[in-house]
N, C-alpha and C. Protein backbone atom coordinates (compact mmCIF):
# COMPACT_ATOMS: atom_id res chain seq x y z
N UNK A 1 37.62 114.93 79.03
CA UNK A 1 38.38 116.05 78.50
C UNK A 1 38.58 115.82 77.00
N UNK A 2 38.26 116.84 76.21
CA UNK A 2 38.41 116.68 74.77
C UNK A 2 39.80 117.10 74.31
N UNK A 3 40.06 116.96 73.02
CA UNK A 3 41.39 117.23 72.46
C UNK A 3 41.81 118.69 72.62
N UNK A 4 40.86 119.61 72.47
CA UNK A 4 41.20 121.03 72.58
C UNK A 4 41.60 121.38 74.01
N UNK A 5 40.87 120.86 74.98
CA UNK A 5 41.22 121.09 76.38
C UNK A 5 42.61 120.55 76.69
N UNK A 6 42.91 119.37 76.17
CA UNK A 6 44.24 118.77 76.39
C UNK A 6 45.33 119.64 75.77
N UNK A 7 45.07 120.15 74.57
CA UNK A 7 46.04 120.99 73.87
C UNK A 7 46.31 122.28 74.66
N UNK A 8 45.27 122.90 75.17
CA UNK A 8 45.43 124.13 75.94
C UNK A 8 46.11 123.86 77.27
N UNK A 9 45.73 122.79 77.95
CA UNK A 9 46.38 122.46 79.22
C UNK A 9 47.85 122.15 79.03
N UNK A 10 48.20 121.47 77.93
CA UNK A 10 49.61 121.17 77.64
C UNK A 10 50.39 122.46 77.41
N UNK A 11 49.79 123.42 76.69
CA UNK A 11 50.46 124.70 76.46
C UNK A 11 50.69 125.44 77.77
N UNK A 12 49.70 125.43 78.65
CA UNK A 12 49.84 126.09 79.95
C UNK A 12 50.91 125.40 80.80
N UNK A 13 50.97 124.08 80.73
CA UNK A 13 52.00 123.33 81.47
C UNK A 13 53.40 123.71 80.97
N UNK A 14 53.55 123.85 79.66
CA UNK A 14 54.85 124.24 79.10
C UNK A 14 55.26 125.63 79.55
N UNK A 15 54.27 126.49 79.79
CA UNK A 15 54.56 127.83 80.30
C UNK A 15 54.76 127.84 81.81
N UNK A 16 54.50 126.72 82.47
CA UNK A 16 54.66 126.62 83.91
C UNK A 16 53.51 127.23 84.68
N UNK A 17 52.34 127.29 84.08
CA UNK A 17 51.19 127.93 84.69
C UNK A 17 50.23 126.87 85.22
N UNK A 18 49.83 127.04 86.46
CA UNK A 18 48.90 126.11 87.09
C UNK A 18 47.69 126.88 87.58
N UNK A 19 46.57 126.21 87.67
CA UNK A 19 45.36 126.84 88.18
C UNK A 19 44.13 126.25 87.52
N UNK A 20 42.99 126.79 87.88
CA UNK A 20 41.72 126.36 87.33
C UNK A 20 41.46 127.14 86.06
N UNK A 21 41.19 126.41 84.96
CA UNK A 21 40.96 127.09 83.70
C UNK A 21 39.52 126.91 83.25
N UNK A 22 39.07 127.90 82.50
CA UNK A 22 37.75 127.85 81.86
C UNK A 22 37.97 128.23 80.41
N UNK A 23 37.40 127.43 79.50
CA UNK A 23 37.61 127.62 78.07
C UNK A 23 36.26 127.88 77.41
N UNK A 24 36.21 128.91 76.55
CA UNK A 24 35.00 129.20 75.80
C UNK A 24 35.37 129.62 74.38
N UNK A 25 34.54 129.30 73.39
CA UNK A 25 34.83 129.65 72.00
C UNK A 25 34.96 131.17 71.82
N UNK A 26 35.91 131.58 70.96
CA UNK A 26 36.13 133.01 70.72
C UNK A 26 36.36 133.29 69.24
N UNK A 27 35.83 132.45 68.38
CA UNK A 27 36.01 132.64 66.95
C UNK A 27 36.43 131.34 66.30
N UNK A 28 36.80 131.44 65.04
CA UNK A 28 37.19 130.26 64.27
C UNK A 28 38.51 129.69 64.78
N UNK A 29 38.46 128.52 65.41
CA UNK A 29 39.61 127.80 65.96
C UNK A 29 40.34 128.59 67.04
N UNK A 30 39.65 129.51 67.68
CA UNK A 30 40.23 130.27 68.78
C UNK A 30 39.35 130.14 70.01
N UNK A 31 40.00 130.11 71.16
CA UNK A 31 39.29 129.92 72.42
C UNK A 31 39.78 130.90 73.46
N UNK A 32 38.83 131.46 74.20
CA UNK A 32 39.15 132.37 75.30
C UNK A 32 39.48 131.51 76.52
N UNK A 33 40.59 131.80 77.17
CA UNK A 33 41.03 131.04 78.32
C UNK A 33 41.02 131.96 79.54
N UNK A 34 40.33 131.50 80.57
CA UNK A 34 40.33 132.21 81.86
C UNK A 34 41.05 131.33 82.86
N UNK A 35 41.92 131.94 83.63
CA UNK A 35 42.70 131.23 84.63
C UNK A 35 42.33 131.76 86.00
N UNK A 36 41.85 130.88 86.86
CA UNK A 36 41.40 131.25 88.21
C UNK A 36 40.38 132.38 88.18
N UNK A 37 39.47 132.33 87.20
CA UNK A 37 38.39 133.29 87.10
C UNK A 37 38.75 134.61 86.44
N UNK A 38 39.99 134.77 85.97
CA UNK A 38 40.41 136.01 85.31
C UNK A 38 40.88 135.71 83.90
N UNK A 39 40.68 136.69 83.01
CA UNK A 39 41.09 136.54 81.62
C UNK A 39 42.59 136.26 81.53
N UNK A 40 42.96 135.23 80.73
CA UNK A 40 44.37 134.91 80.53
C UNK A 40 44.80 135.19 79.10
N UNK A 41 44.00 134.76 78.12
CA UNK A 41 44.37 135.01 76.73
C UNK A 41 43.50 134.23 75.76
N UNK A 42 43.80 134.43 74.47
CA UNK A 42 43.12 133.73 73.39
C UNK A 42 44.08 132.69 72.84
N UNK A 43 43.61 131.44 72.77
CA UNK A 43 44.43 130.34 72.28
C UNK A 43 43.99 129.96 70.88
N UNK A 44 44.94 129.90 69.94
CA UNK A 44 44.68 129.49 68.56
C UNK A 44 45.10 128.03 68.42
N UNK A 45 44.14 127.14 68.14
CA UNK A 45 44.45 125.72 68.07
C UNK A 45 45.23 125.36 66.81
N UNK A 46 45.12 126.15 65.74
CA UNK A 46 45.90 125.88 64.53
C UNK A 46 47.38 126.20 64.74
N UNK A 47 47.66 127.28 65.42
CA UNK A 47 49.03 127.69 65.68
C UNK A 47 49.59 127.04 66.96
N UNK A 48 48.70 126.48 67.78
CA UNK A 48 49.06 125.86 69.04
C UNK A 48 49.78 126.85 69.97
N UNK A 49 49.24 128.06 70.05
CA UNK A 49 49.85 129.08 70.90
C UNK A 49 48.81 130.13 71.28
N UNK A 50 49.16 130.92 72.27
CA UNK A 50 48.32 132.05 72.65
C UNK A 50 48.62 133.21 71.72
N UNK A 51 47.58 133.83 71.19
CA UNK A 51 47.75 134.92 70.24
C UNK A 51 47.39 136.26 70.85
N UNK A 52 46.92 136.26 72.07
CA UNK A 52 46.61 137.49 72.77
C UNK A 52 46.92 137.30 74.23
C-alpha cells in the first residue's frame, strides 16, 4: 500500500466509512474514489479531503 492509499483510507476511517475501495487518478493530485463499486468522490491529496 502506498502513501496515497494510506492517506485516503485514513480519511475514510475518520468519516466512519468502511468497504472496498478503488482509487484511480483524476487530475493533478486528485484521485477518484469508488466505494463498493460505486462512485464516492474525488480526493485531493494536497488538501487531505474530499472535494466532490
